[in-house]
Amino acid sequence: MVKVMDIPEEEFIYPGTRACAGCSMALIYRIALKALGPNTIITVPASCLTVLHGMQGFCTTKVSVYHTPFATTGAAASGIVASLDDKGLSEDINVVAFAGDGGTVDIGIQSLSGAVERGTNFIFACYDNEAYMNTGVQRSGSTPPGAFSTTTPEGKTGYKKNMAKIMEAHGIPYVATAISSYPLDLYEKFQRAKGITGPKYLHILAPCPPGWGYEPKDSIEIGRLAVQTGFWPLYEVIEGKFILSKDSRRFLDASKRKPIEEYFNSQKRFRKISKEEIENHKRYINDSWNDIEKRLEEI
């Protein structure tokens, strides 16, 4: 089990980035790079992370970064891995694709699926802020039902894609969910992923102050609410074996979960959510946890 003192002091992101105040994506990236270490190459599509990296001519990280078109992150990672293989360096360098939900569940899903089908030895990490935040808060395939976006002003209809399950269906050796509010769990999962050969996928919920409508100081608390209400279960699937993460285990007992209304009321994007949509969320959460319980019983 990882402890605070196990996390390296060295920082791989220079101060003074252009990330928003309270940006949980920046925290996710900071923790991930500490787990991955200096021998890492990152590839990133158009996203909030390209804003953090900065304008052309300089970069805010100590590791090498390659910016790629929106739809091509998985293909770019495959190319980097192939080049490293050719040079005999693939065992010494981590190749990591870091994309938002737009560049993962929507525009980038085809190149991600292709890279995984080819067996590319890389990590794909999706930081999921549940909309196209960098271009004006448009809905994505990962936006939850009832949430406001500029293209769904009355609230989105339909569930968000369960990308972790989609990637698990590809038969890859490692899939995990995480969130910025539990950094030790996040760090441990990146460390585990980098030690596994083959495609690895992490789906990380990333609360967003301007897009979700809350004060920047509340990012950690809102992320915790996502877990404590059962909205965002933390787990791993290692070689097909389902493992519920420590920070989510007590929520197998539904009585230990906080009301989902606490999570919705903390964000302005849910200000128009209907009672019917809230009840649908409750059913969806209960069904998800029933499925988790069944999977644990099968082990």
Protein backbone atom coordinates (compact mmCIF):
# COMPACT_ATOMS: atom_id res chain seq x y z
CA MET A 1 0.00 0.00 0.00
CA VAL A 2 1.39 3.40 -1.00
CA LYS A 3 1.93 5.99 1.75
CA VAL A 4 2.48 9.73 1.42
CA MET A 5 6.20 9.37 2.12
CA ASP A 6 6.52 6.92 -0.81
CA ILE A 7 5.69 9.63 -3.36
CA PRO A 8 8.84 11.29 -4.80
CA GLU A 9 9.44 14.93 -3.94
CA GLU A 10 10.69 15.73 -7.45
CA GLU A 11 8.20 17.71 -9.52
CA PHE A 12 7.94 17.12 -13.27
CA ILE A 13 5.71 20.13 -13.99
CA TYR A 14 7.21 23.60 -13.75
CA PRO A 15 5.22 26.27 -11.85
CA GLY A 16 3.21 28.92 -13.67
CA THR A 17 1.10 26.82 -16.04
CA ARG A 18 -2.07 28.14 -17.67
CA ALA A 19 -4.36 25.60 -16.01
CA CYS A 20 -7.44 27.00 -14.29
CA ALA A 21 -7.48 27.54 -10.54
CA GLY A 22 -8.59 24.35 -8.83
CA CYS A 23 -7.97 22.25 -11.97
CA SER A 24 -8.02 18.59 -10.97
CA MET A 25 -6.51 17.60 -14.33
CA ALA A 26 -3.31 19.39 -13.29
CA LEU A 27 -3.28 17.41 -10.02
CA ILE A 28 -3.86 14.14 -11.90
CA TYR A 29 -0.97 14.94 -14.25
CA ARG A 30 1.33 15.91 -11.39
CA ILE A 31 0.71 12.65 -9.50
CA ALA A 32 0.92 10.54 -12.65
CA LEU A 33 4.31 11.94 -13.65
CA LYS A 34 5.66 11.29 -10.16
CA ALA A 35 4.60 7.65 -10.54
CA LEU A 36 5.94 7.32 -14.09
CA GLY A 37 9.28 9.04 -13.56
CA PRO A 38 11.62 10.90 -15.94
CA ASN A 39 11.92 8.14 -18.57
CA THR A 40 8.52 8.94 -20.01
CA ILE A 41 7.18 10.23 -23.32
CA ILE A 42 3.70 11.78 -23.31
CA THR A 43 1.44 12.20 -26.32
CA VAL A 44 -1.58 14.49 -26.03
CA PRO A 45 -4.42 15.54 -28.38
CA ALA A 46 -6.11 18.94 -28.42
CA SER A 47 -7.34 19.37 -24.85
CA CYS A 48 -6.96 21.28 -21.61
CA LEU A 49 -3.62 19.53 -21.17
CA THR A 50 -2.21 21.22 -24.26
CA VAL A 51 -3.14 24.50 -22.57
CA LEU A 52 -1.21 23.44 -19.46
CA HIS A 53 1.80 22.55 -21.61
CA GLY A 54 1.92 26.06 -23.06
CA MET A 55 2.37 27.75 -26.39
CA GLN A 56 4.64 26.56 -29.21
CA GLY A 57 8.34 26.81 -28.43
CA PHE A 58 8.34 25.71 -24.79
CA CYS A 59 6.71 23.16 -22.49
CA THR A 60 5.92 23.17 -18.78
CA THR A 61 7.07 19.60 -18.14
CA LYS A 62 10.45 17.93 -17.63
CA VAL A 63 9.42 14.97 -19.79
CA SER A 64 9.12 14.84 -23.57
CA VAL A 65 5.69 15.73 -24.94
CA TYR A 66 4.24 15.23 -28.41
CA HIS A 67 1.03 17.07 -29.32
CA THR A 68 -1.05 15.27 -31.91
CA PRO A 69 -4.37 15.94 -33.76
CA PHE A 70 -7.56 15.22 -31.83
CA ALA A 71 -8.37 11.84 -33.39
CA THR A 72 -4.88 10.34 -33.48
CA THR A 73 -3.60 9.93 -29.91
CA GLY A 74 -3.64 6.13 -29.94
CA ALA A 75 -1.98 6.04 -33.37
CA ALA A 76 0.67 8.53 -32.24
CA ALA A 77 1.43 6.36 -29.21
CA SER A 78 1.76 3.30 -31.45
CA GLY A 79 4.22 5.17 -33.64
CA ILE A 80 6.31 6.26 -30.66
CA VAL A 81 6.41 2.70 -29.30
CA ALA A 82 7.40 1.32 -32.74
CA SER A 83 10.24 3.86 -32.96
CA LEU A 84 11.49 2.95 -29.49
CA ASP A 85 11.29 -0.76 -30.37
CA ASP A 86 13.41 -0.10 -33.45
CA LYS A 87 16.03 1.64 -31.31
CA GLY A 88 15.96 -1.00 -28.57
CA LEU A 89 14.64 1.52 -26.01
CA SER A 90 11.07 0.36 -25.46
CA GLU A 91 11.81 -1.43 -22.18
CA ASP A 92 13.38 1.69 -20.67
CA ILE A 93 10.80 4.36 -21.56
CA ASN A 94 7.14 4.67 -20.63
CA VAL A 95 4.86 5.78 -23.46
CA VAL A 96 1.71 7.42 -22.16
CA ALA A 97 -1.25 8.90 -24.02
CA PHE A 98 -3.08 11.52 -21.93
CA ALA A 99 -6.43 12.66 -23.32
CA GLY A 100 -9.65 14.26 -22.16
CA ASP A 101 -13.01 12.59 -22.55
CA GLY A 102 -13.58 14.17 -25.98
CA GLY A 103 -10.28 12.76 -27.21
CA THR A 104 -11.05 9.37 -25.67
CA VAL A 105 -14.72 8.40 -25.73
CA ASP A 106 -15.62 10.36 -28.87
CA ILE A 107 -13.08 11.65 -31.40
CA GLY A 108 -10.19 9.44 -30.28
CA ILE A 109 -11.97 6.15 -29.68
CA GLN A 110 -11.10 4.66 -33.08
CA SER A 111 -7.33 5.18 -32.80
CA LEU A 112 -7.37 4.04 -29.16
CA SER A 113 -9.23 0.85 -30.08
CA GLY A 114 -6.83 0.25 -32.96
CA ALA A 115 -3.74 0.71 -30.78
CA VAL A 116 -5.16 -1.67 -28.20
CA GLU A 117 -6.08 -4.26 -30.84
CA ARG A 118 -2.48 -4.13 -32.09
CA GLY A 119 -1.25 -4.84 -28.57
CA THR A 120 0.69 -1.57 -28.26
CA ASN A 121 2.69 -1.47 -25.05
CA PHE A 122 1.50 1.85 -23.66
CA ILE A 123 -0.68 3.51 -21.05
CA PHE A 124 -3.75 5.44 -22.14
CA ALA A 125 -5.07 7.76 -19.42
CA CYS A 126 -8.35 9.60 -19.86
CA TYR A 127 -8.90 12.57 -17.56
CA ASP A 128 -12.66 12.82 -17.73
CA ASN A 129 -14.10 16.27 -16.98
CA GLU A 130 -17.31 15.17 -18.69
CA ALA A 131 -17.50 17.74 -21.50
CA TYR A 132 -15.38 19.57 -24.08
CA MET A 133 -14.16 22.12 -21.54
CA ASN A 134 -11.32 23.64 -23.57
CA THR A 135 -13.67 24.77 -26.36
CA GLY A 136 -16.63 26.05 -24.37
CA VAL A 137 -18.25 23.25 -22.31
CA GLN A 138 -20.00 21.32 -25.10
CA ARG A 139 -21.45 17.92 -24.21
CA SER A 140 -19.40 14.78 -24.86
CA GLY A 141 -20.22 11.09 -24.81
CA SER A 142 -19.04 11.20 -21.21
CA THR A 143 -21.39 13.94 -20.00
CA PRO A 144 -23.80 12.52 -17.40
CA PRO A 145 -27.58 12.79 -17.86
CA GLY A 146 -29.14 15.94 -16.51
CA ALA A 147 -25.93 17.96 -16.73
CA PHE A 148 -25.91 21.37 -18.37
CA SER A 149 -23.58 22.07 -21.27
CA THR A 150 -23.66 24.80 -23.90
CA THR A 151 -25.06 22.27 -26.38
CA THR A 152 -27.50 20.74 -23.86
CA PRO A 153 -28.78 23.84 -22.02
CA GLU A 154 -31.72 21.92 -20.54
CA GLY A 155 -29.52 19.03 -19.45
CA LYS A 156 -28.12 16.09 -21.35
CA THR A 157 -30.34 13.09 -22.05
CA GLY A 158 -28.92 9.56 -22.10
CA TYR A 159 -26.21 7.91 -20.00
CA LYS A 160 -22.50 8.52 -20.34
CA LYS A 161 -20.38 5.90 -22.08
CA ASN A 162 -18.78 3.41 -19.69
CA MET A 163 -15.37 3.63 -21.30
CA ALA A 164 -13.66 1.43 -18.72
CA LYS A 165 -16.00 -1.43 -19.63
CA ILE A 166 -15.48 -0.77 -23.34
CA MET A 167 -11.72 -1.09 -22.87
CA GLU A 168 -12.12 -4.13 -20.66
CA ALA A 169 -14.08 -5.77 -23.50
CA HIS A 170 -10.91 -5.45 -25.63
CA GLY A 171 -9.29 -8.06 -23.37
CA ILE A 172 -6.37 -5.88 -22.28
CA PRO A 173 -4.29 -6.76 -19.20
CA TYR A 174 -5.05 -3.69 -17.12
CA VAL A 175 -8.03 -1.35 -16.68
CA ALA A 176 -8.61 0.98 -13.73
CA THR A 177 -10.75 3.86 -12.58
CA ALA A 178 -9.39 6.66 -10.40
CA ILE A 179 -10.00 10.26 -9.33
CA SER A 180 -7.83 13.20 -8.33
CA SER A 181 -9.34 13.34 -4.83
CA TYR A 182 -7.64 10.06 -3.85
CA PRO A 183 -4.05 10.74 -4.97
CA LEU A 184 -2.42 7.74 -3.27
CA ASP A 185 -4.78 5.39 -5.08
CA LEU A 186 -4.08 7.26 -8.34
CA TYR A 187 -0.31 7.07 -7.83
CA GLU A 188 -0.43 3.35 -7.06
CA LYS A 189 -2.47 2.58 -10.17
CA PHE A 190 -0.05 4.40 -12.48
CA GLN A 191 2.85 2.58 -10.83
CA ARG A 192 1.11 -0.76 -11.35
CA ALA A 193 0.24 0.04 -14.95
CA LYS A 194 3.81 0.91 -15.93
CA GLY A 195 4.98 -2.51 -14.69
CA ILE A 196 2.58 -4.42 -16.96
CA THR A 197 3.39 -5.24 -20.59
CA GLY A 198 0.75 -4.47 -23.19
CA PRO A 199 -2.06 -1.90 -23.42
CA LYS A 200 -3.15 -0.34 -20.12
CA TYR A 201 -6.14 1.97 -19.62
CA LEU A 202 -6.95 4.34 -16.74
CA HIS A 203 -10.20 6.34 -16.64
CA ILE A 204 -9.87 9.23 -14.18
CA LEU A 205 -12.75 11.50 -13.19
CA ALA A 206 -11.54 15.12 -13.22
CA PRO A 207 -13.80 17.70 -11.54
CA CYS A 208 -13.70 21.03 -13.41
CA PRO A 209 -14.56 24.30 -11.57
CA PRO A 210 -15.63 26.44 -14.58
CA GLY A 211 -17.32 23.60 -16.46
CA TRP A 212 -19.14 22.04 -13.51
CA GLY A 213 -19.92 25.32 -11.76
CA TYR A 214 -18.33 25.34 -8.31
CA GLU A 215 -15.63 27.23 -6.40
CA PRO A 216 -12.02 26.16 -7.20
CA LYS A 217 -11.35 25.38 -3.54
CA ASP A 218 -13.98 22.61 -3.65
CA SER A 219 -12.40 20.33 -6.29
CA ILE A 220 -11.15 17.72 -3.82
CA GLU A 221 -14.38 17.62 -1.80
CA ILE A 222 -16.55 17.25 -4.91
CA GLY A 223 -14.35 14.41 -6.13
CA ARG A 224 -14.74 12.69 -2.80
CA LEU A 225 -18.50 13.09 -3.04
CA ALA A 226 -18.43 11.35 -6.43
CA VAL A 227 -16.90 8.31 -4.71
CA GLN A 228 -18.88 8.55 -1.45
CA THR A 229 -22.24 8.67 -3.25
CA GLY A 230 -21.33 5.63 -5.35
CA PHE A 231 -21.40 7.69 -8.54
CA TRP A 232 -17.73 6.87 -9.25
CA PRO A 233 -16.57 3.42 -8.04
CA LEU A 234 -12.81 2.95 -7.84
CA TYR A 235 -11.55 -0.40 -9.09
CA GLU A 236 -8.99 -2.31 -11.16
CA VAL A 237 -9.28 -5.21 -13.59
CA ILE A 238 -5.96 -7.05 -13.77
CA GLU A 239 -5.79 -9.88 -16.32
CA GLY A 240 -9.57 -10.17 -16.09
CA LYS A 241 -9.70 -10.19 -12.27
CA PHE A 242 -11.93 -7.48 -10.79
CA ILE A 243 -10.55 -5.73 -7.68
CA LEU A 244 -12.56 -3.10 -5.82
CA SER A 245 -10.21 -0.40 -4.54
CA LYS A 246 -9.82 0.23 -0.81
CA ASP A 247 -11.43 3.68 -0.90
CA SER A 248 -14.63 2.25 -2.44
CA ARG A 249 -15.01 -1.03 -0.52
CA ARG A 250 -17.26 0.26 2.25
CA PHE A 251 -19.74 1.55 -0.32
CA LEU A 252 -20.72 -2.01 -1.22
CA ASP A 253 -23.09 -1.39 1.68
CA ALA A 254 -25.62 1.00 0.14
CA SER A 255 -26.40 2.47 3.57
CA LYS A 256 -22.85 3.84 3.73
CA ARG A 257 -23.27 5.88 0.54
CA LYS A 258 -24.15 9.56 0.75
CA PRO A 259 -27.29 10.72 -1.09
CA ILE A 260 -26.58 11.49 -4.75
CA GLU A 261 -28.39 14.80 -4.22
CA GLU A 262 -25.36 16.03 -2.23
CA TYR A 263 -23.19 15.54 -5.30
CA PHE A 264 -25.65 17.20 -7.68
CA ASN A 265 -26.33 20.15 -5.36
CA SER A 266 -22.62 20.95 -5.20
CA GLN A 267 -22.51 21.83 -8.94
CA LYS A 268 -24.39 24.42 -10.96
CA ARG A 269 -24.40 22.17 -14.05
CA PHE A 270 -27.13 20.07 -12.41
CA ARG A 271 -29.34 23.04 -11.52
CA LYS A 272 -32.04 21.94 -13.97
CA ILE A 273 -31.91 18.21 -13.25
CA SER A 274 -35.41 16.77 -12.77
CA LYS A 275 -36.63 14.48 -10.00
CA GLU A 276 -37.12 11.77 -12.61
CA GLU A 277 -33.50 12.07 -13.75
CA ILE A 278 -32.30 11.89 -10.14
CA GLU A 279 -34.30 8.68 -9.63
CA ASN A 280 -32.81 7.28 -12.84
CA HIS A 281 -29.34 8.07 -11.50
CA LYS A 282 -30.15 6.26 -8.27
CA ARG A 283 -31.28 3.17 -10.16
CA TYR A 284 -28.21 3.29 -12.38
CA ILE A 285 -25.89 3.56 -9.37
CA ASN A 286 -27.63 0.67 -7.59
CA ASP A 287 -27.46 -1.48 -10.71
CA SER A 288 -23.75 -0.68 -11.10
CA TRP A 289 -23.01 -1.69 -7.52
CA ASN A 290 -25.08 -4.87 -7.86
CA ASP A 291 -22.94 -5.74 -10.87
CA ILE A 292 -19.78 -5.03 -8.84
CA GLU A 293 -21.01 -7.32 -6.05
CA LYS A 294 -21.68 -10.12 -8.52
CA ARG A 295 -18.21 -9.75 -10.02
CA LEU A 296 -16.63 -9.97 -6.57
CA GLU A 297 -18.63 -13.10 -5.78
CA GLU A 298 -17.30 -14.76 -8.94
CA ILE A 299 -13.67 -14.46 -7.80
